[in-house]
Amino acid sequence: MKDVSITAMQEKDLDSLAELEKICFSTPWTRGGLEAELSCPSAVFIVAHSAGGAAAGYAGMHCAAGECYVDNVAVLPQLRGNGIGEALMRRLILDARRRGGEFISLEVRKSNAPAISLYGKLGFVKAGERKGFYDKPREDALILTLWF
């Protein structure tokens, strides 16, 4: 994860993050959806920038009343396996703790072994399942939670 910096999501990031969403997800967030998070007080959206300044990945969550929920974690496919996702998650965990969170939780496709492995490495444990949670393709989700 050398030469990558993590900053708060800004207006200038929105076009590249909307494209990243299209690359990574079958039902991507729109630019407008991402833009709305810029003014949401419960939102924490961060971007990993490569040395050249391009967005290499991003992650976002919402925190309210001591509960934090991860919305998305995305890394460019060609840059996966370089610690960017882990760095993004570690930053979200830190921000959740700073906001007084009691836990941070997320859903992940049951077939996404690399992500499940990463979350396990960070201390997340299975808290449940959501049947048919994902579309395109239809798939169950694991609910993973890290308690503080």
N, C-alpha and C. Protein backbone atom coordinates (compact mmCIF):
# COMPACT_ATOMS: atom_id res chain seq x y z
N MET A 1 0.82 -1.18 0.00
CA MET A 1 0.00 0.00 0.00
C MET A 1 0.87 1.25 0.00
N LYS A 2 2.02 1.11 -0.53
CA LYS A 2 2.96 2.22 -0.61
C LYS A 2 2.42 3.30 -1.54
N ASP A 3 2.70 4.54 -1.21
CA ASP A 3 2.33 5.68 -2.06
C ASP A 3 0.82 5.85 -2.22
N VAL A 4 0.05 5.52 -1.19
CA VAL A 4 -1.39 5.74 -1.20
C VAL A 4 -1.73 6.59 0.01
N SER A 5 -2.52 7.65 -0.22
CA SER A 5 -2.98 8.49 0.88
C SER A 5 -4.49 8.38 0.99
N ILE A 6 -4.98 8.49 2.21
CA ILE A 6 -6.42 8.40 2.45
C ILE A 6 -6.91 9.74 2.96
N THR A 7 -7.93 10.27 2.28
CA THR A 7 -8.50 11.57 2.63
C THR A 7 -10.02 11.47 2.65
N ALA A 8 -10.65 12.46 3.22
CA ALA A 8 -12.11 12.54 3.18
C ALA A 8 -12.56 12.71 1.74
N MET A 9 -13.67 12.09 1.39
CA MET A 9 -14.24 12.24 0.05
C MET A 9 -14.60 13.71 -0.18
N GLN A 10 -14.27 14.18 -1.39
CA GLN A 10 -14.57 15.56 -1.77
C GLN A 10 -15.30 15.58 -3.12
N GLU A 11 -15.84 16.71 -3.43
CA GLU A 11 -16.56 16.92 -4.71
C GLU A 11 -15.70 16.46 -5.89
N LYS A 12 -14.42 16.76 -5.88
CA LYS A 12 -13.54 16.43 -7.00
C LYS A 12 -13.38 14.92 -7.20
N ASP A 13 -13.73 14.11 -6.20
CA ASP A 13 -13.60 12.65 -6.28
C ASP A 13 -14.83 11.98 -6.91
N LEU A 14 -15.94 12.67 -6.97
CA LEU A 14 -17.22 12.04 -7.28
C LEU A 14 -17.28 11.34 -8.63
N ASP A 15 -16.75 11.96 -9.68
CA ASP A 15 -16.80 11.32 -11.01
C ASP A 15 -16.03 10.01 -11.02
N SER A 16 -14.83 10.01 -10.46
CA SER A 16 -14.03 8.78 -10.47
C SER A 16 -14.64 7.72 -9.55
N LEU A 17 -15.26 8.12 -8.46
CA LEU A 17 -15.87 7.13 -7.56
C LEU A 17 -17.13 6.54 -8.18
N ALA A 18 -17.89 7.35 -8.92
CA ALA A 18 -19.06 6.81 -9.63
C ALA A 18 -18.62 5.78 -10.66
N GLU A 19 -17.50 6.01 -11.33
CA GLU A 19 -16.96 5.03 -12.28
C GLU A 19 -16.47 3.78 -11.56
N LEU A 20 -15.83 3.96 -10.42
CA LEU A 20 -15.37 2.83 -9.62
C LEU A 20 -16.55 1.97 -9.19
N GLU A 21 -17.64 2.60 -8.80
CA GLU A 21 -18.86 1.88 -8.44
C GLU A 21 -19.33 0.99 -9.60
N LYS A 22 -19.32 1.53 -10.81
CA LYS A 22 -19.75 0.76 -11.99
C LYS A 22 -18.85 -0.44 -12.24
N ILE A 23 -17.57 -0.27 -11.97
CA ILE A 23 -16.60 -1.36 -12.18
C ILE A 23 -16.77 -2.45 -11.13
N CYS A 24 -17.06 -2.06 -9.89
CA CYS A 24 -17.03 -3.00 -8.77
C CYS A 24 -18.37 -3.63 -8.40
N PHE A 25 -19.47 -2.97 -8.71
CA PHE A 25 -20.76 -3.44 -8.20
C PHE A 25 -21.80 -3.58 -9.29
N SER A 26 -22.65 -4.61 -9.15
CA SER A 26 -23.71 -4.85 -10.13
C SER A 26 -24.85 -3.84 -9.99
N THR A 27 -25.01 -3.25 -8.82
CA THR A 27 -25.99 -2.18 -8.62
C THR A 27 -25.26 -0.99 -8.00
N PRO A 28 -24.55 -0.24 -8.84
CA PRO A 28 -23.68 0.84 -8.33
C PRO A 28 -24.44 2.06 -7.82
N TRP A 29 -23.81 2.72 -6.87
CA TRP A 29 -24.29 4.02 -6.44
C TRP A 29 -24.04 5.00 -7.58
N THR A 30 -24.88 6.00 -7.69
CA THR A 30 -24.71 7.04 -8.70
C THR A 30 -23.84 8.17 -8.15
N ARG A 31 -23.41 9.02 -9.05
CA ARG A 31 -22.67 10.21 -8.62
C ARG A 31 -23.51 11.02 -7.66
N GLY A 32 -24.79 11.17 -7.97
CA GLY A 32 -25.69 11.93 -7.11
C GLY A 32 -25.83 11.32 -5.73
N GLY A 33 -25.87 9.99 -5.67
CA GLY A 33 -25.95 9.32 -4.38
C GLY A 33 -24.70 9.55 -3.55
N LEU A 34 -23.55 9.51 -4.21
CA LEU A 34 -22.30 9.79 -3.51
C LEU A 34 -22.24 11.25 -3.08
N GLU A 35 -22.67 12.14 -3.95
CA GLU A 35 -22.64 13.57 -3.64
C GLU A 35 -23.49 13.89 -2.40
N ALA A 36 -24.63 13.22 -2.26
CA ALA A 36 -25.50 13.46 -1.11
C ALA A 36 -24.78 13.17 0.21
N GLU A 37 -23.84 12.25 0.19
CA GLU A 37 -23.12 11.90 1.41
C GLU A 37 -22.18 13.01 1.88
N LEU A 38 -21.80 13.91 0.99
CA LEU A 38 -20.91 15.01 1.37
C LEU A 38 -21.54 15.92 2.43
N SER A 39 -22.87 16.02 2.44
CA SER A 39 -23.54 16.90 3.39
C SER A 39 -24.28 16.14 4.48
N CYS A 40 -24.08 14.86 4.56
CA CYS A 40 -24.75 14.03 5.57
C CYS A 40 -23.90 13.97 6.84
N PRO A 41 -24.40 14.48 7.96
CA PRO A 41 -23.58 14.51 9.17
C PRO A 41 -23.23 13.14 9.74
N SER A 42 -24.00 12.11 9.42
CA SER A 42 -23.69 10.78 9.95
C SER A 42 -22.76 9.99 9.03
N ALA A 43 -22.43 10.55 7.87
CA ALA A 43 -21.62 9.84 6.87
C ALA A 43 -20.13 10.07 7.07
N VAL A 44 -19.37 8.99 6.85
CA VAL A 44 -17.92 9.05 6.81
C VAL A 44 -17.52 8.33 5.53
N PHE A 45 -17.12 9.09 4.51
CA PHE A 45 -16.69 8.52 3.24
C PHE A 45 -15.26 8.97 2.97
N ILE A 46 -14.40 7.99 2.70
CA ILE A 46 -12.98 8.27 2.52
C ILE A 46 -12.50 7.69 1.20
N VAL A 47 -11.41 8.27 0.68
CA VAL A 47 -10.87 7.88 -0.62
C VAL A 47 -9.38 7.58 -0.48
N ALA A 48 -8.96 6.48 -1.09
CA ALA A 48 -7.54 6.15 -1.18
C ALA A 48 -7.05 6.66 -2.53
N HIS A 49 -6.07 7.57 -2.50
CA HIS A 49 -5.50 8.14 -3.73
C HIS A 49 -4.12 7.55 -3.97
N SER A 50 -3.86 7.19 -5.21
CA SER A 50 -2.52 6.71 -5.58
C SER A 50 -1.57 7.89 -5.63
N ALA A 51 -0.29 7.61 -5.81
CA ALA A 51 0.73 8.66 -5.85
C ALA A 51 0.41 9.70 -6.92
N GLY A 52 -0.20 9.28 -8.02
CA GLY A 52 -0.56 10.22 -9.08
C GLY A 52 -1.82 11.01 -8.81
N GLY A 53 -2.49 10.71 -7.71
CA GLY A 53 -3.69 11.45 -7.34
C GLY A 53 -4.99 10.79 -7.75
N ALA A 54 -4.94 9.71 -8.52
CA ALA A 54 -6.16 9.03 -8.95
C ALA A 54 -6.76 8.23 -7.80
N ALA A 55 -8.07 8.09 -7.82
CA ALA A 55 -8.75 7.29 -6.80
C ALA A 55 -8.46 5.82 -7.03
N ALA A 56 -7.86 5.17 -6.04
CA ALA A 56 -7.56 3.74 -6.11
C ALA A 56 -8.65 2.93 -5.43
N GLY A 57 -9.41 3.57 -4.55
CA GLY A 57 -10.49 2.91 -3.84
C GLY A 57 -11.19 3.88 -2.92
N TYR A 58 -12.27 3.42 -2.33
CA TYR A 58 -12.97 4.26 -1.37
C TYR A 58 -13.79 3.38 -0.45
N ALA A 59 -14.24 3.96 0.66
CA ALA A 59 -15.11 3.27 1.60
C ALA A 59 -15.99 4.31 2.28
N GLY A 60 -17.15 3.84 2.71
CA GLY A 60 -18.06 4.75 3.38
C GLY A 60 -18.89 4.04 4.43
N MET A 61 -19.28 4.78 5.45
CA MET A 61 -20.15 4.24 6.50
C MET A 61 -21.00 5.38 7.06
N HIS A 62 -21.98 4.98 7.84
CA HIS A 62 -22.82 5.92 8.57
C HIS A 62 -22.78 5.54 10.04
N CYS A 63 -22.72 6.54 10.90
CA CYS A 63 -22.71 6.32 12.35
C CYS A 63 -23.80 7.17 12.98
N ALA A 64 -24.58 6.52 13.84
CA ALA A 64 -25.61 7.24 14.59
C ALA A 64 -25.91 6.46 15.86
N ALA A 65 -26.07 7.17 16.96
CA ALA A 65 -26.45 6.57 18.24
C ALA A 65 -25.55 5.40 18.64
N GLY A 66 -24.25 5.52 18.36
CA GLY A 66 -23.30 4.50 18.75
C GLY A 66 -23.20 3.31 17.80
N GLU A 67 -23.97 3.34 16.72
CA GLU A 67 -23.98 2.25 15.75
C GLU A 67 -23.38 2.73 14.44
N CYS A 68 -22.45 1.96 13.89
CA CYS A 68 -21.81 2.32 12.63
C CYS A 68 -22.00 1.19 11.62
N TYR A 69 -22.40 1.55 10.43
CA TYR A 69 -22.67 0.57 9.37
C TYR A 69 -21.90 0.94 8.10
N VAL A 70 -21.11 0.00 7.60
CA VAL A 70 -20.36 0.21 6.38
C VAL A 70 -21.30 0.06 5.19
N ASP A 71 -21.27 1.05 4.30
CA ASP A 71 -22.09 1.01 3.09
C ASP A 71 -21.36 0.30 1.97
N ASN A 72 -20.15 0.72 1.69
CA ASN A 72 -19.38 0.17 0.57
C ASN A 72 -17.89 0.26 0.83
N VAL A 73 -17.19 -0.72 0.29
CA VAL A 73 -15.74 -0.70 0.21
C VAL A 73 -15.42 -1.14 -1.21
N ALA A 74 -14.67 -0.32 -1.94
CA ALA A 74 -14.35 -0.65 -3.33
C ALA A 74 -12.90 -0.29 -3.62
N VAL A 75 -12.22 -1.20 -4.32
CA VAL A 75 -10.84 -0.98 -4.74
C VAL A 75 -10.76 -1.37 -6.21
N LEU A 76 -10.06 -0.59 -7.01
CA LEU A 76 -9.88 -0.93 -8.42
C LEU A 76 -9.37 -2.37 -8.53
N PRO A 77 -9.96 -3.16 -9.40
CA PRO A 77 -9.55 -4.58 -9.50
C PRO A 77 -8.06 -4.79 -9.68
N GLN A 78 -7.42 -3.98 -10.48
CA GLN A 78 -5.98 -4.15 -10.74
C GLN A 78 -5.11 -3.78 -9.55
N LEU A 79 -5.70 -3.16 -8.51
CA LEU A 79 -4.93 -2.76 -7.33
C LEU A 79 -5.27 -3.58 -6.09
N ARG A 80 -6.17 -4.54 -6.24
CA ARG A 80 -6.54 -5.38 -5.11
C ARG A 80 -5.37 -6.24 -4.67
N GLY A 81 -5.34 -6.56 -3.39
CA GLY A 81 -4.26 -7.38 -2.85
C GLY A 81 -3.05 -6.58 -2.43
N ASN A 82 -3.16 -5.26 -2.47
CA ASN A 82 -2.05 -4.40 -2.09
C ASN A 82 -2.26 -3.67 -0.77
N GLY A 83 -3.30 -4.05 -0.01
CA GLY A 83 -3.54 -3.46 1.30
C GLY A 83 -4.40 -2.22 1.30
N ILE A 84 -4.93 -1.83 0.15
CA ILE A 84 -5.75 -0.62 0.09
C ILE A 84 -7.07 -0.82 0.84
N GLY A 85 -7.73 -1.95 0.60
CA GLY A 85 -8.97 -2.23 1.31
C GLY A 85 -8.77 -2.28 2.82
N GLU A 86 -7.68 -2.90 3.24
CA GLU A 86 -7.38 -2.97 4.67
C GLU A 86 -7.14 -1.58 5.25
N ALA A 87 -6.40 -0.75 4.54
CA ALA A 87 -6.15 0.62 5.02
C ALA A 87 -7.45 1.41 5.13
N LEU A 88 -8.31 1.26 4.15
CA LEU A 88 -9.61 1.95 4.19
C LEU A 88 -10.43 1.48 5.39
N MET A 89 -10.48 0.17 5.60
CA MET A 89 -11.25 -0.37 6.73
C MET A 89 -10.66 0.05 8.07
N ARG A 90 -9.35 0.05 8.17
CA ARG A 90 -8.74 0.47 9.43
C ARG A 90 -9.10 1.93 9.73
N ARG A 91 -9.15 2.76 8.70
CA ARG A 91 -9.53 4.16 8.90
C ARG A 91 -10.99 4.27 9.32
N LEU A 92 -11.89 3.49 8.71
CA LEU A 92 -13.29 3.52 9.12
C LEU A 92 -13.44 3.07 10.57
N ILE A 93 -12.72 2.03 10.95
CA ILE A 93 -12.78 1.54 12.33
C ILE A 93 -12.32 2.63 13.29
N LEU A 94 -11.23 3.29 12.96
CA LEU A 94 -10.73 4.39 13.79
C LEU A 94 -11.77 5.50 13.90
N ASP A 95 -12.36 5.88 12.77
CA ASP A 95 -13.37 6.94 12.78
C ASP A 95 -14.60 6.52 13.58
N ALA A 96 -15.00 5.25 13.47
CA ALA A 96 -16.15 4.77 14.24
C ALA A 96 -15.87 4.89 15.74
N ARG A 97 -14.67 4.52 16.14
CA ARG A 97 -14.31 4.63 17.57
C ARG A 97 -14.29 6.09 18.01
N ARG A 98 -13.73 6.95 17.17
CA ARG A 98 -13.67 8.39 17.49
C ARG A 98 -15.07 8.99 17.64
N ARG A 99 -16.02 8.46 16.89
CA ARG A 99 -17.40 8.95 16.97
C ARG A 99 -18.19 8.30 18.11
N GLY A 100 -17.52 7.51 18.92
CA GLY A 100 -18.19 6.88 20.04
C GLY A 100 -18.97 5.64 19.67
N GLY A 101 -18.64 5.03 18.56
CA GLY A 101 -19.35 3.83 18.14
C GLY A 101 -19.14 2.67 19.09
N GLU A 102 -20.19 1.90 19.29
CA GLU A 102 -20.10 0.68 20.10
C GLU A 102 -19.73 -0.51 19.24
N PHE A 103 -20.04 -0.40 17.94
CA PHE A 103 -19.69 -1.47 17.01
C PHE A 103 -19.72 -0.90 15.59
N ILE A 104 -19.14 -1.67 14.68
CA ILE A 104 -19.22 -1.38 13.26
C ILE A 104 -19.65 -2.68 12.58
N SER A 105 -20.61 -2.58 11.69
CA SER A 105 -21.19 -3.77 11.07
C SER A 105 -21.27 -3.58 9.56
N LEU A 106 -21.35 -4.70 8.84
CA LEU A 106 -21.44 -4.66 7.38
C LEU A 106 -22.04 -5.94 6.84
N GLU A 107 -22.47 -5.90 5.59
CA GLU A 107 -22.87 -7.09 4.86
C GLU A 107 -21.85 -7.36 3.78
N VAL A 108 -21.65 -8.65 3.49
CA VAL A 108 -20.72 -9.06 2.45
C VAL A 108 -21.30 -10.29 1.76
N ARG A 109 -21.11 -10.37 0.45
CA ARG A 109 -21.56 -11.57 -0.28
C ARG A 109 -20.90 -12.80 0.31
N LYS A 110 -21.67 -13.88 0.47
CA LYS A 110 -21.12 -15.13 1.03
C LYS A 110 -19.99 -15.68 0.17
N SER A 111 -19.99 -15.35 -1.12
CA SER A 111 -18.95 -15.87 -2.02
C SER A 111 -17.69 -15.00 -2.06
N ASN A 112 -17.68 -13.87 -1.39
CA ASN A 112 -16.55 -12.94 -1.46
C ASN A 112 -15.49 -13.32 -0.42
N ALA A 113 -14.80 -14.42 -0.69
CA ALA A 113 -13.81 -14.96 0.25
C ALA A 113 -12.70 -13.96 0.59
N PRO A 114 -12.14 -13.20 -0.38
CA PRO A 114 -11.09 -12.25 0.00
C PRO A 114 -11.57 -11.19 1.00
N ALA A 115 -12.78 -10.67 0.79
CA ALA A 115 -13.30 -9.66 1.71
C ALA A 115 -13.59 -10.28 3.08
N ILE A 116 -14.18 -11.46 3.10
CA ILE A 116 -14.48 -12.12 4.36
C ILE A 116 -13.19 -12.37 5.14
N SER A 117 -12.14 -12.77 4.45
CA SER A 117 -10.84 -12.99 5.09
C SER A 117 -10.30 -11.69 5.68
N LEU A 118 -10.38 -10.61 4.92
CA LEU A 118 -9.91 -9.32 5.42
C LEU A 118 -10.68 -8.91 6.66
N TYR A 119 -12.01 -8.99 6.61
CA TYR A 119 -12.81 -8.58 7.76
C TYR A 119 -12.50 -9.44 8.99
N GLY A 120 -12.27 -10.74 8.77
CA GLY A 120 -11.89 -11.61 9.87
C GLY A 120 -10.57 -11.20 10.48
N LYS A 121 -9.62 -10.85 9.63
CA LYS A 121 -8.30 -10.39 10.09
C LYS A 121 -8.43 -9.14 10.96
N LEU A 122 -9.43 -8.31 10.67
CA LEU A 122 -9.64 -7.06 11.40
C LEU A 122 -10.49 -7.26 12.66
N GLY A 123 -10.96 -8.49 12.90
CA GLY A 123 -11.69 -8.78 14.11
C GLY A 123 -13.20 -8.88 13.97
N PHE A 124 -13.71 -8.77 12.76
CA PHE A 124 -15.15 -8.91 12.54
C PHE A 124 -15.56 -10.36 12.74
N VAL A 125 -16.75 -10.58 13.31
CA VAL A 125 -17.29 -11.91 13.50
C VAL A 125 -18.70 -11.97 12.89
N LYS A 126 -19.10 -13.18 12.54
CA LYS A 126 -20.43 -13.37 11.94
C LYS A 126 -21.50 -13.08 12.97
N ALA A 127 -22.44 -12.20 12.60
CA ALA A 127 -23.54 -11.84 13.48
C ALA A 127 -24.88 -12.34 12.93
N GLY A 128 -24.87 -12.81 11.67
CA GLY A 128 -26.11 -13.28 11.07
C GLY A 128 -25.98 -13.38 9.56
N GLU A 129 -27.11 -13.63 8.92
CA GLU A 129 -27.18 -13.71 7.46
C GLU A 129 -28.42 -13.00 6.97
N ARG A 130 -28.37 -12.51 5.74
CA ARG A 130 -29.54 -11.94 5.08
C ARG A 130 -29.76 -12.75 3.81
N LYS A 131 -30.86 -13.49 3.77
CA LYS A 131 -31.17 -14.34 2.62
C LYS A 131 -31.55 -13.48 1.42
N GLY A 132 -30.96 -13.78 0.27
CA GLY A 132 -31.29 -13.08 -0.97
C GLY A 132 -31.02 -11.59 -0.93
N PHE A 133 -30.08 -11.16 -0.13
CA PHE A 133 -29.80 -9.72 0.06
C PHE A 133 -29.31 -9.04 -1.22
N TYR A 134 -28.47 -9.73 -1.97
CA TYR A 134 -27.88 -9.15 -3.18
C TYR A 134 -28.63 -9.59 -4.44
N ASP A 135 -28.63 -8.72 -5.42
CA ASP A 135 -29.16 -9.03 -6.76
C ASP A 135 -27.99 -9.02 -7.74
N LYS A 136 -28.25 -9.58 -8.90
CA LYS A 136 -27.29 -9.51 -10.02
C LYS A 136 -25.90 -9.99 -9.66
N PRO A 137 -25.63 -11.17 -9.26
CA PRO A 137 -26.56 -12.28 -9.10
C PRO A 137 -27.17 -12.31 -7.70
N ARG A 138 -28.30 -12.99 -7.60
CA ARG A 138 -28.98 -13.16 -6.32
C ARG A 138 -28.08 -13.96 -5.39
N GLU A 139 -27.88 -13.45 -4.19
CA GLU A 139 -26.98 -14.14 -3.26
C GLU A 139 -27.27 -13.69 -1.83
N ASP A 140 -27.02 -14.59 -0.90
CA ASP A 140 -27.14 -14.27 0.52
C ASP A 140 -25.96 -13.42 0.96
N ALA A 141 -26.17 -12.68 2.04
CA ALA A 141 -25.11 -11.88 2.64
C ALA A 141 -24.82 -12.38 4.04
N LEU A 142 -23.56 -12.30 4.41
CA LEU A 142 -23.18 -12.48 5.81
C LEU A 142 -23.20 -11.10 6.48
N ILE A 143 -23.68 -11.05 7.69
CA ILE A 143 -23.60 -9.83 8.48
C ILE A 143 -22.40 -10.02 9.41
N LEU A 144 -21.43 -9.15 9.30
CA LEU A 144 -20.22 -9.23 10.11
C LEU A 144 -20.15 -7.98 11.00
N THR A 145 -19.75 -8.17 12.25
CA THR A 145 -19.71 -7.07 13.20
C THR A 145 -18.41 -7.09 13.99
N LEU A 146 -17.90 -5.91 14.26
CA LEU A 146 -16.75 -5.72 15.14
C LEU A 146 -17.24 -4.88 16.31
N TRP A 147 -17.19 -5.47 17.49
CA TRP A 147 -17.61 -4.76 18.71
C TRP A 147 -16.40 -4.07 19.33
N PHE A 148 -16.61 -2.86 19.85
CA PHE A 148 -15.52 -2.13 20.50
C PHE A 148 -15.59 -2.27 22.00
